C-alpha atoms as a PDB file:
ATOM      1  CA  MET A   1      81.797  24.801  48.016  1.00  0.00           C
ATOM      2  CA  ASN A   2      82.260  21.845  46.684  1.00  0.00           C
ATOM      3  CA  LEU A   3      80.039  23.457  43.573  1.00  0.00           C
ATOM      4  CA  LEU A   4      82.484  26.394  43.427  1.00  0.00           C
ATOM      5  CA  HIS A   5      85.199  24.251  43.283  1.00  0.00           C
ATOM      6  CA  ARG A   6      83.976  22.534  40.497  1.00  0.00           C
ATOM      7  CA  ALA A   7      82.795  25.537  38.160  1.00  0.00           C
ATOM      8  CA  GLN A   8      86.245  27.264  38.539  1.00  0.00           C
ATOM      9  CA  GLY A   9      87.550  24.896  36.153  1.00  0.00           C
ATOM     10  CA  CYS A  10      85.141  26.404  33.286  1.00  0.00           C
ATOM     11  CA  PHE A  11      87.055  29.368  33.367  1.00  0.00           C
ATOM     12  CA  ASN A  12      90.820  27.536  32.819  1.00  0.00           C
ATOM     13  CA  PRO A  13      90.822  27.982  29.279  1.00  0.00           C
ATOM     14  CA  GLY A  14      89.885  31.423  28.927  1.00  0.00           C
ATOM     15  CA  ARG A  15      92.442  32.152  31.607  1.00  0.00           C
ATOM     16  CA  ASP A  16      94.897  30.144  29.309  1.00  0.00           C
ATOM     17  CA  ALA A  17      93.696  32.221  26.411  1.00  0.00           C
ATOM     18  CA  ALA A  18      94.015  35.488  28.406  1.00  0.00           C
ATOM     19  CA  ILE A  19      98.160  34.394  28.893  1.00  0.00           C
ATOM     20  CA  ALA A  20      98.666  33.297  25.708  1.00  0.00           C
ATOM     21  CA  THR A  21      97.697  37.055  24.465  1.00  0.00           C
ATOM     22  CA  LEU A  22      99.376  38.642  27.110  1.00  0.00           C
ATOM     23  CA  ARG A  23     102.618  36.920  25.896  1.00  0.00           C
ATOM     24  CA  LYS A  24     102.380  38.461  22.751  1.00  0.00           C
ATOM     25  CA  ALA A  25     101.738  42.499  23.826  1.00  0.00           C
ATOM     26  CA  GLU A  26     104.057  45.012  23.263  1.00  0.00           C
ATOM     27  CA  VAL A  27     103.498  46.825  26.535  1.00  0.00           C
ATOM     28  CA  VAL A  28     102.213  44.885  29.604  1.00  0.00           C
ATOM     29  CA  ALA A  29     101.860  46.810  32.997  1.00  0.00           C
ATOM     30  CA  CYS A  30     101.670  45.008  36.322  1.00  0.00           C
ATOM     31  CA  ASP A  31     101.417  45.266  39.909  1.00  0.00           C
ATOM     32  CA  GLU A  32     100.251  43.574  43.030  1.00  0.00           C
ATOM     33  CA  THR A  33      98.374  43.676  46.765  1.00  0.00           C
ATOM     34  CA  GLY A  34      98.538  41.745  50.041  1.00  0.00           C
ATOM     35  CA  VAL A  35      95.773  39.336  50.606  1.00  0.00           C
ATOM     36  CA  ARG A  36      95.090  36.410  53.394  1.00  0.00           C
ATOM     37  CA  ILE A  37      95.707  33.137  52.161  1.00  0.00           C
ATOM     38  CA  GLU A  38      95.284  29.792  54.572  1.00  0.00           C
ATOM     39  CA  GLY A  39      96.043  32.107  57.225  1.00  0.00           C
ATOM     40  CA  SER A  40      99.351  33.463  55.765  1.00  0.00           C
ATOM     41  CA  ASN A  41     100.597  36.308  53.950  1.00  0.00           C
ATOM     42  CA  ALA A  42     100.208  36.119  50.023  1.00  0.00           C
ATOM     43  CA  TYR A  43      99.423  38.336  47.045  1.00  0.00           C
ATOM     44  CA  HIS A  44      97.013  39.014  44.494  1.00  0.00           C
ATOM     45  CA  TRP A  45      99.051  40.002  40.987  1.00  0.00           C
ATOM     46  CA  VAL A  46      97.299  41.698  37.889  1.00  0.00           C
ATOM     47  CA  LEU A  47      99.145  41.562  34.177  1.00  0.00           C
ATOM     48  CA  HIS A  48      97.712  43.461  31.549  1.00  0.00           C
ATOM     49  CA  SER A  49      98.139  44.911  28.432  1.00  0.00           C
ATOM     50  CA  ALA A  50      95.503  46.665  25.796  1.00  0.00           C
ATOM     51  CA  GLN A  51      93.973  43.354  24.612  1.00  0.00           C
ATOM     52  CA  ALA A  52      94.226  40.753  27.789  1.00  0.00           C
ATOM     53  CA  VAL A  53      94.113  40.947  31.547  1.00  0.00           C
ATOM     54  CA  VAL A  54      95.507  38.210  33.815  1.00  0.00           C
ATOM     55  CA  HIS A  55      95.056  37.727  37.716  1.00  0.00           C
ATOM     56  CA  THR A  56      96.763  35.321  39.276  1.00  0.00           C
ATOM     57  CA  ALA A  57      97.058  34.302  43.015  1.00  0.00           C
ATOM     58  CA  SER A  58     100.545  33.363  44.546  1.00  0.00           C
ATOM     59  CA  PRO A  59     102.282  32.822  48.202  1.00  0.00           C
ATOM     60  CA  THR A  60     105.114  35.326  47.291  1.00  0.00           C
ATOM     61  CA  ARG A  61     105.708  38.817  46.261  1.00  0.00           C
ATOM     62  CA  GLY A  62     108.850  37.621  44.063  1.00  0.00           C
ATOM     63  CA  ALA A  63     110.053  38.071  40.616  1.00  0.00           C
ATOM     64  CA  VAL A  64     109.587  34.451  39.978  1.00  0.00           C
ATOM     65  CA  VAL A  65     105.736  35.204  39.466  1.00  0.00           C
ATOM     66  CA  VAL A  66     106.912  37.128  36.392  1.00  0.00           C
ATOM     67  CA  ARG A  67     109.025  35.157  35.115  1.00  0.00           C
ATOM     68  CA  GLU A  68     106.602  32.143  35.258  1.00  0.00           C
ATOM     69  CA  MET A  69     103.781  34.082  34.052  1.00  0.00           C
ATOM     70  CA  MET A  70     105.742  35.296  31.036  1.00  0.00           C
ATOM     71  CA  ASP A  71     107.258  32.028  30.361  1.00  0.00           C
ATOM     72  CA  GLY A  72     110.572  33.941  28.882  1.00  0.00           C
ATOM     73  CA  HIS A  73     108.457  36.373  26.603  1.00  0.00           C
ATOM     74  CA  ARG A  74     110.674  39.403  26.812  1.00  0.00           C
ATOM     75  CA  ARG A  75     108.087  42.912  25.975  1.00  0.00           C
ATOM     76  CA  ALA A  76     109.078  46.238  24.447  1.00  0.00           C
ATOM     77  CA  VAL A  77     107.470  48.211  27.457  1.00  0.00           C
ATOM     78  CA  TRP A  78     107.225  46.918  31.293  1.00  0.00           C
ATOM     79  CA  ILE A  79     105.015  49.371  33.144  1.00  0.00           C
ATOM     80  CA  SER A  80     105.244  49.062  36.800  1.00  0.00           C
ATOM     81  CA  ASP A  81     106.120  50.554  40.654  1.00  0.00           C
ATOM     82  CA  ARG A  82     109.857  51.125  41.484  1.00  0.00           C
ATOM     83  CA  TYR A  83     109.683  47.460  43.337  1.00  0.00           C
ATOM     84  CA  THR A  84     112.762  45.378  42.746  1.00  0.00           C
ATOM     85  CA  ALA A  85     110.809  42.463  41.617  1.00  0.00           C
ATOM     86  CA  GLN A  86     108.975  44.098  38.877  1.00  0.00           C
ATOM     87  CA  GLN A  87     112.636  44.857  37.241  1.00  0.00           C
ATOM     88  CA  GLY A  88     114.330  44.123  34.052  1.00  0.00           C
ATOM     89  CA  HIS A  89     110.702  42.094  32.434  1.00  0.00           C
ATOM     90  CA  ALA A  90     111.276  44.239  29.133  1.00  0.00           C
ATOM     91  CA  ASP A  91     113.601  46.605  27.301  1.00  0.00           C
ATOM     92  CA  GLU A  92     112.471  49.299  28.521  1.00  0.00           C
ATOM     93  CA  HIS A  93     110.724  50.307  31.571  1.00  0.00           C
ATOM     94  CA  GLN A  94     108.134  52.977  32.461  1.00  0.00           C
ATOM     95  CA  THR A  95     107.655  54.141  36.114  1.00  0.00           C
ATOM     96  CA  CYS A  96     104.629  54.835  37.713  1.00  0.00           C
ATOM     97  CA  LEU A  97     105.102  58.640  38.357  1.00  0.00           C
ATOM     98  CA  ALA A  98     101.500  58.525  40.551  1.00  0.00           C
ATOM     99  CA  HIS A  99     103.888  56.989  42.811  1.00  0.00           C
ATOM    100  CA  LEU A 100     106.527  59.718  42.682  1.00  0.00           C
ATOM    101  CA  ALA A 101     104.500  62.515  42.828  1.00  0.00           C
ATOM    102  CA  ARG A 102     102.974  60.788  46.244  1.00  0.00           C
ATOM    103  CA  ASP A 103     106.765  60.451  47.680  1.00  0.00           C
ATOM    104  CA  ILE A 104     107.701  64.378  46.614  1.00  0.00           C
ATOM    105  CA  ALA A 105     104.229  65.774  48.000  1.00  0.00           C
ATOM    106  CA  TYR A 106     105.199  64.107  51.009  1.00  0.00           C
ATOM    107  CA  VAL A 107     108.632  65.904  51.438  1.00  0.00           C
ATOM    108  CA  VAL A 108     107.012  68.961  50.505  1.00  0.00           C
ATOM    109  CA  GLU A 109     104.477  68.819  52.781  1.00  0.00           C
ATOM    110  CA  VAL A 110     107.006  68.190  56.040  1.00  0.00           C
ATOM    111  CA  SER A 111     110.132  70.232  54.487  1.00  0.00           C
ATOM    112  CA  ASP A 112     110.838  73.693  53.573  1.00  0.00           C
ATOM    113  CA  ASP A 113     113.780  72.654  51.645  1.00  0.00           C
ATOM    114  CA  PRO A 114     113.004  74.228  47.440  1.00  0.00           C
ATOM    115  CA  VAL A 115     114.305  71.054  45.682  1.00  0.00           C
ATOM    116  CA  PRO A 116     111.137  69.443  46.320  1.00  0.00           C
ATOM    117  CA  TRP A 117     108.965  71.880  45.268  1.00  0.00           C
ATOM    118  CA  ARG A 118     110.963  72.381  41.859  1.00  0.00           C
ATOM    119  CA  LEU A 119     110.560  68.644  41.765  1.00  0.00           C
ATOM    120  CA  GLN A 120     106.896  68.777  42.294  1.00  0.00           C
ATOM    121  CA  LEU A 121     106.433  71.766  39.509  1.00  0.00           C
ATOM    122  CA  TRP A 122     108.695  69.331  36.828  1.00  0.00           C
ATOM    123  CA  LEU A 123     106.467  66.560  37.760  1.00  0.00           C
ATOM    124  CA  GLY A 124     103.491  68.678  36.972  1.00  0.00           C
ATOM    125  CA  SER A 125     104.836  69.931  33.647  1.00  0.00           C
ATOM    126  CA  VAL A 126     105.223  65.916  32.743  1.00  0.00           C
ATOM    127  CA  PHE A 127     101.508  65.427  33.486  1.00  0.00           C
ATOM    128  CA  ALA A 128     100.845  68.036  31.482  1.00  0.00           C
ATOM    129  CA  LEU A 129     102.668  66.827  28.219  1.00  0.00           C
ATOM    130  CA  ALA A 130     100.813  63.638  28.616  1.00  0.00           C
ATOM    131  CA  GLU A 131      97.741  64.690  28.444  1.00  0.00           C
ATOM    132  CA  ARG A 132      98.309  66.334  24.387  1.00  0.00           C
ATOM    133  CA  VAL A 133     100.764  63.725  23.492  1.00  0.00           C
ATOM    134  CA  ASN A 134      98.708  62.506  21.045  1.00  0.00           C
ATOM    135  CA  ALA A 135      98.274  65.847  19.716  1.00  0.00           C
ATOM    136  CA  LEU A 136     101.697  66.199  19.181  1.00  0.00           C
ATOM    137  CA  ALA A 137     104.589  65.122  16.480  1.00  0.00           C
ATOM    138  CA  ALA A 138     107.118  62.902  17.304  1.00  0.00           C
ATOM    139  CA  ALA A 139     109.766  65.537  16.910  1.00  0.00           C
ATOM    140  CA  THR A 140     108.142  67.993  19.001  1.00  0.00           C
ATOM    141  CA  LEU A 141     108.154  64.911  21.890  1.00  0.00           C
ATOM    142  CA  SER A 142     111.581  64.204  21.382  1.00  0.00           C
ATOM    143  CA  ALA A 143     112.675  67.643  21.530  1.00  0.00           C
ATOM    144  CA  LYS A 144     110.402  68.112  24.822  1.00  0.00           C
ATOM    145  CA  ARG A 145     111.913  64.750  26.375  1.00  0.00           C
ATOM    146  CA  ARG A 146     114.997  66.481  25.984  1.00  0.00           C
ATOM    147  CA  SER A 147     114.280  69.517  27.386  1.00  0.00           C
ATOM    148  CA  LEU A 148     112.679  67.953  30.440  1.00  0.00           C
ATOM    149  CA  ASP A 149     115.542  65.585  31.270  1.00  0.00           C
ATOM    150  CA  ARG A 150     117.816  68.933  31.119  1.00  0.00           C
ATOM    151  CA  GLN A 151     115.574  70.423  34.085  1.00  0.00           C
ATOM    152  CA  LEU A 152     115.407  67.107  35.920  1.00  0.00           C
ATOM    153  CA  GLY A 153     118.885  66.707  35.831  1.00  0.00           C
ATOM    154  CA  ALA A 154     119.814  70.333  36.678  1.00  0.00           C
ATOM    155  CA  ILE A 155     117.196  69.982  39.452  1.00  0.00           C
ATOM    156  CA  LEU A 156     119.233  66.343  40.769  1.00  0.00           C
ATOM    157  CA  ALA A 157     122.150  68.483  41.073  1.00  0.00           C
ATOM    158  CA  THR A 158     121.768  70.599  43.621  1.00  0.00           C
ATOM    159  CA  SER A 159     122.999  70.831  46.875  1.00  0.00           C
ATOM    160  CA  SER A 160     120.960  70.456  49.917  1.00  0.00           C
ATOM    161  CA  HIS A 161     121.199  69.576  53.771  1.00  0.00           C
ATOM    162  CA  ARG A 162     117.849  68.020  54.373  1.00  0.00           C
ATOM    163  CA  ASP A 163     118.022  63.838  54.619  1.00  0.00           C
ATOM    164  CA  LEU A 164     114.464  63.170  53.306  1.00  0.00           C
ATOM    165  CA  THR A 165     115.652  65.831  49.865  1.00  0.00           C
ATOM    166  CA  ARG A 166     118.871  63.644  49.185  1.00  0.00           C
ATOM    167  CA  ASP A 167     116.970  60.494  49.849  1.00  0.00           C
ATOM    168  CA  LEU A 168     114.014  61.989  47.217  1.00  0.00           C
ATOM    169  CA  GLN A 169     116.908  62.828  44.672  1.00  0.00           C
ATOM    170  CA  ALA A 170     118.796  59.554  45.122  1.00  0.00           C
ATOM    171  CA  LYS A 171     115.300  57.274  44.842  1.00  0.00           C
ATOM    172  CA  ILE A 172     114.524  59.783  41.420  1.00  0.00           C
ATOM    173  CA  SER A 173     118.007  59.775  40.491  1.00  0.00           C
ATOM    174  CA  ARG A 174     118.101  55.538  40.343  1.00  0.00           C
ATOM    175  CA  ALA A 175     114.775  55.915  38.309  1.00  0.00           C
ATOM    176  CA  ARG A 176     116.046  58.574  35.795  1.00  0.00           C
ATOM    177  CA  ASP A 177     116.152  56.675  32.498  1.00  0.00           C
ATOM    178  CA  GLN A 178     112.499  55.677  33.458  1.00  0.00           C
ATOM    179  CA  LEU A 179     110.821  58.447  33.914  1.00  0.00           C
ATOM    180  CA  LEU A 180     109.851  59.955  30.372  1.00  0.00           C
ATOM    181  CA  GLY A 181     109.565  56.253  28.026  1.00  0.00           C
ATOM    182  CA  PHE A 182     106.077  57.252  27.524  1.00  0.00           C
ATOM    183  CA  LEU A 183     106.988  59.753  25.172  1.00  0.00           C
ATOM    184  CA  ALA A 184     108.396  57.323  22.788  1.00  0.00           C
ATOM    185  CA  TYR A 185     104.883  55.243  22.630  1.00  0.00           C
ATOM    186  CA  PRO A 186     102.264  57.798  22.295  1.00  0.00           C
ATOM    187  CA  GLY A 187      98.816  56.485  23.189  1.00  0.00           C
ATOM    188  CA  LYS A 188     100.458  53.141  23.624  1.00  0.00           C
ATOM    189  CA  VAL A 189     102.256  53.781  27.261  1.00  0.00           C
ATOM    190  CA  GLU A 190     100.947  55.394  29.718  1.00  0.00           C
ATOM    191  CA  PRO A 191     102.802  57.763  32.672  1.00  0.00           C
ATOM    192  CA  THR A 192     101.255  55.906  35.968  1.00  0.00           C
ATOM    193  CA  ASN A 193     100.134  52.680  36.549  1.00  0.00           C
ATOM    194  CA  ASN A 194      96.665  53.365  37.525  1.00  0.00           C
ATOM    195  CA  GLY A 195      95.299  50.788  35.410  1.00  0.00           C
ATOM    196  CA  SER A 196      96.803  48.061  37.160  1.00  0.00           C
ATOM    197  CA  GLU A 197      95.468  49.467  40.541  1.00  0.00           C
ATOM    198  CA  ARG A 198      91.748  50.245  38.879  1.00  0.00           C
ATOM    199  CA  LEU A 199      92.138  46.028  37.970  1.00  0.00           C
ATOM    200  CA  LEU A 200      93.252  45.545  41.814  1.00  0.00           C
ATOM    201  CA  ARG A 201      90.568  47.610  43.294  1.00  0.00           C
ATOM    202  CA  PRO A 202      87.703  44.525  43.553  1.00  0.00           C
ATOM    203  CA  ALA A 203      90.630  42.495  44.872  1.00  0.00           C
ATOM    204  CA  VAL A 204      91.194  44.824  47.531  1.00  0.00           C
ATOM    205  CA  VAL A 205      87.738  45.368  48.794  1.00  0.00           C
ATOM    206  CA  GLN A 206      86.921  41.884  48.844  1.00  0.00           C
ATOM    207  CA  ARG A 207      89.984  41.365  51.063  1.00  0.00           C
ATOM    208  CA  LYS A 208      88.779  43.771  53.334  1.00  0.00           C
ATOM    209  CA  VAL A 209      85.157  42.472  53.745  1.00  0.00           C
ATOM    210  CA  THR A 210      86.421  38.269  53.936  1.00  0.00           C
ATOM    211  CA  ASN A 211      89.612  38.811  55.352  1.00  0.00           C
ATOM    212  CA  GLY A 212      91.125  36.412  52.689  1.00  0.00           C
ATOM    213  CA  TYR A 213      90.928  32.768  51.883  1.00  0.00           C
ATOM    214  CA  ARG A 214      90.484  29.954  53.406  1.00  0.00           C
ATOM    215  CA  ALA A 215      91.786  27.844  50.882  1.00  0.00           C
ATOM    216  CA  MET A 216      94.425  28.215  47.869  1.00  0.00           C
ATOM    217  CA  TRP A 217      91.822  26.826  45.326  1.00  0.00           C
ATOM    218  CA  ALA A 218      89.746  29.294  46.153  1.00  0.00           C
ATOM    219  CA  ALA A 219      92.452  32.428  45.359  1.00  0.00           C
ATOM    220  CA  GLU A 220      93.135  30.810  42.312  1.00  0.00           C
ATOM    221  CA  GLY A 221      89.536  30.266  41.092  1.00  0.00           C
ATOM    222  CA  GLU A 222      88.500  33.773  41.807  1.00  0.00           C
ATOM    223  CA  ALA A 223      91.720  34.908  40.104  1.00  0.00           C
ATOM    224  CA  ALA A 224      90.774  32.759  36.453  1.00  0.00           C
ATOM    225  CA  THR A 225      87.378  34.175  37.028  1.00  0.00           C
ATOM    226  CA  ARG A 226      88.794  37.713  37.196  1.00  0.00           C
ATOM    227  CA  THR A 227      90.990  36.977  34.581  1.00  0.00           C
ATOM    228  CA  VAL A 228      88.141  36.314  31.874  1.00  0.00           C
ATOM    229  CA  VAL A 229      85.722  38.674  33.129  1.00  0.00           C
ATOM    230  CA  ASP A 230      88.290  41.553  33.037  1.00  0.00           C
ATOM    231  CA  THR A 231      89.770  40.467  29.163  1.00  0.00           C
ATOM    232  CA  ALA A 232      85.731  40.001  28.300  1.00  0.00           C
ATOM    233  CA  ARG A 233      85.125  43.484  29.769  1.00  0.00           C
ATOM    234  CA  ILE A 234      87.588  44.802  26.947  1.00  0.00           C
ATOM    235  CA  THR A 235      85.262  44.065  24.444  1.00  0.00           C
ATOM    236  CA  ALA A 236      82.520  46.031  26.308  1.00  0.00           C
ATOM    237  CA  SER A 237      80.895  42.151  27.503  1.00  0.00           C
ATOM    238  CA  SER A 238      79.509  42.360  30.694  1.00  0.00           C
ATOM    239  CA  PRO A 239      80.395  40.237  33.515  1.00  0.00           C
ATOM    240  CA  PHE A 240      77.317  38.695  34.336  1.00  0.00           C
ATOM    241  CA  GLY A 241      77.108  37.662  30.273  1.00  0.00           C
ATOM    242  CA  THR A 242      80.840  36.619  30.515  1.00  0.00           C
ATOM    243  CA  ILE A 243      80.164  33.778  33.541  1.00  0.00           C
ATOM    244  CA  LEU A 244      77.215  32.775  32.276  1.00  0.00           C
ATOM    245  CA  LYS A 245      78.481  31.466  28.732  1.00  0.00           C
ATOM    246  CA  THR A 246      81.830  30.470  30.244  1.00  0.00           C
ATOM    247  CA  ILE A 247      80.265  27.825  33.109  1.00  0.00           C
ATOM    248  CA  GLY A 248      76.857  27.119  30.672  1.00  0.00           C
ATOM    249  CA  ALA A 249      79.919  26.011  27.901  1.00  0.00           C
ATOM    250  CA  ARG A 250      80.803  23.140  30.002  1.00  0.00           C
ATOM    251  CA  THR A 251      77.837  22.111  31.859  1.00  0.00           C
ATOM    252  CA  LEU A 252      75.060  22.574  29.007  1.00  0.00           C
ATOM    253  CA  PRO A 253      75.056  20.909  26.020  1.00  0.00           C
ATOM    254  CA  SER A 254      75.210  23.622  23.094  1.00  0.00           C
ATOM    255  CA  ASP A 255      72.210  22.555  21.479  1.00  0.00           C
ATOM    256  CA  ALA A 256      69.865  22.531  24.228  1.00  0.00           C
ATOM    257  CA  TRP A 257      70.304  25.745  25.807  1.00  0.00           C
ATOM    258  CA  VAL A 258      70.009  29.630  24.546  1.00  0.00           C
ATOM    259  CA  ILE A 259      70.928  32.519  26.152  1.00  0.00           C
ATOM    260  CA  THR A 260      68.629  35.676  25.475  1.00  0.00           C
ATOM    261  CA  ASP A 261      69.455  39.021  27.013  1.00  0.00           C
ATOM    262  CA  GLY A 262      71.528  37.634  29.772  1.00  0.00           C
ATOM    263  CA  ALA A 263      68.891  34.698  30.648  1.00  0.00           C
ATOM    264  CA  LEU A 264      68.934  30.903  30.270  1.00  0.00           C
ATOM    265  CA  TYR A 265      66.611  28.939  28.349  1.00  0.00           C
ATOM    266  CA  ALA A 266      65.813  25.665  27.236  1.00  0.00           C
ATOM    267  CA  ALA A 267      65.999  25.733  23.463  1.00  0.00           C
ATOM    268  CA  GLU A 268      62.551  24.039  22.796  1.00  0.00           C
ATOM    269  CA  GLN A 269      60.808  26.871  24.775  1.00  0.00           C
ATOM    270  CA  VAL A 270      62.251  29.444  21.494  1.00  0.00           C
ATOM    271  CA  ARG A 271      60.920  26.899  18.549  1.00  0.00           C
ATOM    272  CA  VAL A 272      58.202  28.310  16.522  1.00  0.00           C
ATOM    273  CA  ASP A 273      56.327  24.975  16.306  1.00  0.00           C
ATOM    274  CA  VAL A 274      56.479  24.476  20.070  1.00  0.00           C
ATOM    275  CA  THR A 275      55.184  27.763  20.607  1.00  0.00           C
ATOM    276  CA  ALA A 276      52.191  27.390  18.298  1.00  0.00           C
ATOM    277  CA  GLU A 277      51.672  23.835  19.863  1.00  0.00           C
ATOM    278  CA  ARG A 278      51.506  25.810  23.168  1.00  0.00           C
ATOM    279  CA  GLN A 279      49.118  28.259  21.911  1.00  0.00           C
ATOM    280  CA  ASP A 280      46.516  25.290  20.198  1.00  0.00           C
ATOM    281  CA  TRP A 281      46.504  23.249  23.383  1.00  0.00           C
ATOM    282  CA  TYR A 282      45.790  26.448  25.675  1.00  0.00           C
ATOM    283  CA  ASP A 283      42.847  27.547  22.888  1.00  0.00           C
ATOM    284  CA  ALA A 284      41.319  23.778  23.120  1.00  0.00           C
ATOM    285  CA  MET A 285      40.875  23.878  26.809  1.00  0.00           C
ATOM    286  CA  PRO A 286      37.062  24.104  27.914  1.00  0.00           C
ATOM    287  CA  ASP A 287      36.027  27.057  30.143  1.00  0.00           C
ATOM    288  CA  LEU A 288      35.896  26.735  33.814  1.00  0.00           C
ATOM    289  CA  ASP A 289      32.672  27.360  35.288  1.00  0.00           C
ATOM    290  CA  PRO A 290      33.118  29.840  38.339  1.00  0.00           C
ATOM    291  CA  ASP A 291      30.260  28.377  40.321  1.00  0.00           C
ATOM    292  CA  THR A 292      32.350  25.077  40.063  1.00  0.00           C
ATOM    293  CA  LEU A 293      35.661  25.812  41.391  1.00  0.00           C
ATOM    294  CA  VAL A 294      36.248  27.989  44.746  1.00  0.00           C
ATOM    295  CA  PHE A 295      40.036  28.605  44.257  1.00  0.00           C
ATOM    296  CA  LEU A 296      42.645  27.946  42.010  1.00  0.00           C
ATOM    297  CA  ASP A 297      46.509  27.646  43.043  1.00  0.00           C
ATOM    298  CA  GLU A 298      48.824  27.949  40.706  1.00  0.00           C
ATOM    299  CA  THR A 299      51.902  26.886  42.859  1.00  0.00           C
ATOM    300  CA  ALA A 300      53.014  25.346  46.293  1.00  0.00           C
ATOM    301  CA  ALA A 301      55.561  25.069  48.042  1.00  0.00           C
ATOM    302  CA  ALA A 302      57.263  21.699  48.461  1.00  0.00           C
ATOM    303  CA  THR A 303      60.322  21.863  50.120  1.00  0.00           C
ATOM    304  CA  ASN A 304      62.251  21.352  53.460  1.00  0.00           C
ATOM    305  CA  MET A 305      62.404  24.849  54.749  1.00  0.00           C
ATOM    306  CA  THR A 306      58.544  25.811  54.712  1.00  0.00           C
ATOM    307  CA  HIS A 307      55.168  24.990  53.565  1.00  0.00           C
ATOM    308  CA  ARG A 308      52.753  27.856  53.002  1.00  0.00           C
ATOM    309  CA  TYR A 309      48.812  27.306  51.869  1.00  0.00           C
ATOM    310  CA  GLY A 310      46.701  30.196  50.919  1.00  0.00           C
ATOM    311  CA  ARG A 311      42.740  30.906  51.149  1.00  0.00           C
ATOM    312  CA  ALA A 312      40.694  33.280  48.901  1.00  0.00           C
ATOM    313  CA  PRO A 313      36.868  34.539  48.808  1.00  0.00           C
ATOM    314  CA  HIS A 314      34.551  32.007  46.469  1.00  0.00           C
ATOM    315  CA  GLY A 315      35.078  33.252  43.004  1.00  0.00           C
ATOM    316  CA  GLN A 316      38.329  34.923  43.444  1.00  0.00           C
ATOM    317  CA  ARG A 317      41.649  33.415  42.788  1.00  0.00           C
ATOM    318  CA  CYS A 318      44.064  32.482  45.107  1.00  0.00           C
ATOM    319  CA  ARG A 319      47.495  32.962  44.931  1.00  0.00           C
ATOM    320  CA  LEU A 320      50.322  31.194  47.214  1.00  0.00           C
ATOM    321  CA  LEU A 321      52.992  33.002  49.023  1.00  0.00           C
ATOM    322  CA  VAL A 322      56.172  30.688  47.864  1.00  0.00           C
ATOM    323  CA  LEU A 323      60.295  31.523  48.064  1.00  0.00           C
ATOM    324  CA  GLN A 324      60.807  33.615  45.304  1.00  0.00           C
ATOM    325  CA  GLY A 325      63.552  31.594  43.096  1.00  0.00           C
ATOM    326  CA  HIS A 326      63.645  28.379  45.121  1.00  0.00           C
ATOM    327  CA  VAL A 327      64.797  26.097  42.636  1.00  0.00           C
ATOM    328  CA  TRP A 328      63.093  23.202  44.664  1.00  0.00           C
ATOM    329  CA  THR A 329      59.691  24.640  44.239  1.00  0.00           C
ATOM    330  CA  PRO A 330      57.738  22.672  41.940  1.00  0.00           C
ATOM    331  CA  PRO A 331      54.911  23.923  40.370  1.00  0.00           C
ATOM    332  CA  ARG A 332      51.535  22.024  41.629  1.00  0.00           C
ATOM    333  CA  VAL A 333      47.688  22.838  40.700  1.00  0.00           C
ATOM    334  CA  GLN A 334      44.938  22.475  42.553  1.00  0.00           C
ATOM    335  CA  ALA A 335      40.992  23.263  42.411  1.00  0.00           C
ATOM    336  CA  LYS A 336      38.079  22.367  45.124  1.00  0.00           C
ATOM    337  CA  SER A 337      35.164  22.022  44.115  1.00  0.00           C
ATOM    338  CA  LEU A 338      31.592  23.299  46.029  1.00  0.00           C
ATOM    339  CA  ASP A 339      30.496  19.771  47.305  1.00  0.00           C
ATOM    340  CA  GLY A 340      34.184  19.203  48.759  1.00  0.00           C
ATOM    341  CA  ARG A 341      36.378  17.288  46.468  1.00  0.00           C
ATOM    342  CA  CYS A 342      39.729  18.462  45.280  1.00  0.00           C
ATOM    343  CA  ALA A 343      41.119  17.957  41.963  1.00  0.00           C
END
């Protein structure tokens, strides 16, 4: 536990760099999910752009989390759901249409009113347009946006005697100016906030498996780790390699260790002169007489957990069973001669 606590500090510089990059982005998406921290309800937030991903843990779901993270930097477009704390953080807001699609689908299922069905068809047209938004000219997108807005206005103006339908109409009417903003930024703004939900999914899985965190520093440490890893993933870096480089940069001298194919080696192990000397030493070793030695042990476990020994017939090599990967297992070479003496 103390080792994890110390190691999380290695990720703070990367986290600060990701936050600085996020504050410069023109388009930012944000979402949050609940998590238990120190036995109380808390939240895991994620904010991301095309260049950076930032995770953070907080005991509150309020807008103060976003204000502290952005530190007064106001973006051009903010992508999120309709939650109150997500409003007012940018010049324009793109509401997640996937959330509205679920609300519309529910009313369509439980009601026989035609208005929700018309809304569902309208939303299907919006999603179809979003799939080919990069292939259309700006003038075409502007014309289609005006046409879709007129169609939506007619649907919202239709009277209904169903309470669910009226509530749905009121909800969409309040978000009307936030539904088609992605058409003004083709290729830069998504019509949904699915990207944030994908980044939150590992945290949701962990919450279900572990039921949360016993300490706030653990939640903050994992958020910093996920920030560094997910930001590096944008440039196709592997999570393991990113973690290894981040921890190694703080705990190991840079000139004493190298990273090759995701593995950590002492720098001297890849020096040409050291390799040549090792090979010369090996070639100069005298040949062993098989009639003199009974067995040769390459490694023996010397841990507080177990002691294991091996046997082999005369003239055959003996390999011991040891704990694979145990950090406290030292190498040991033993040989027993015919007359009973050991070396």
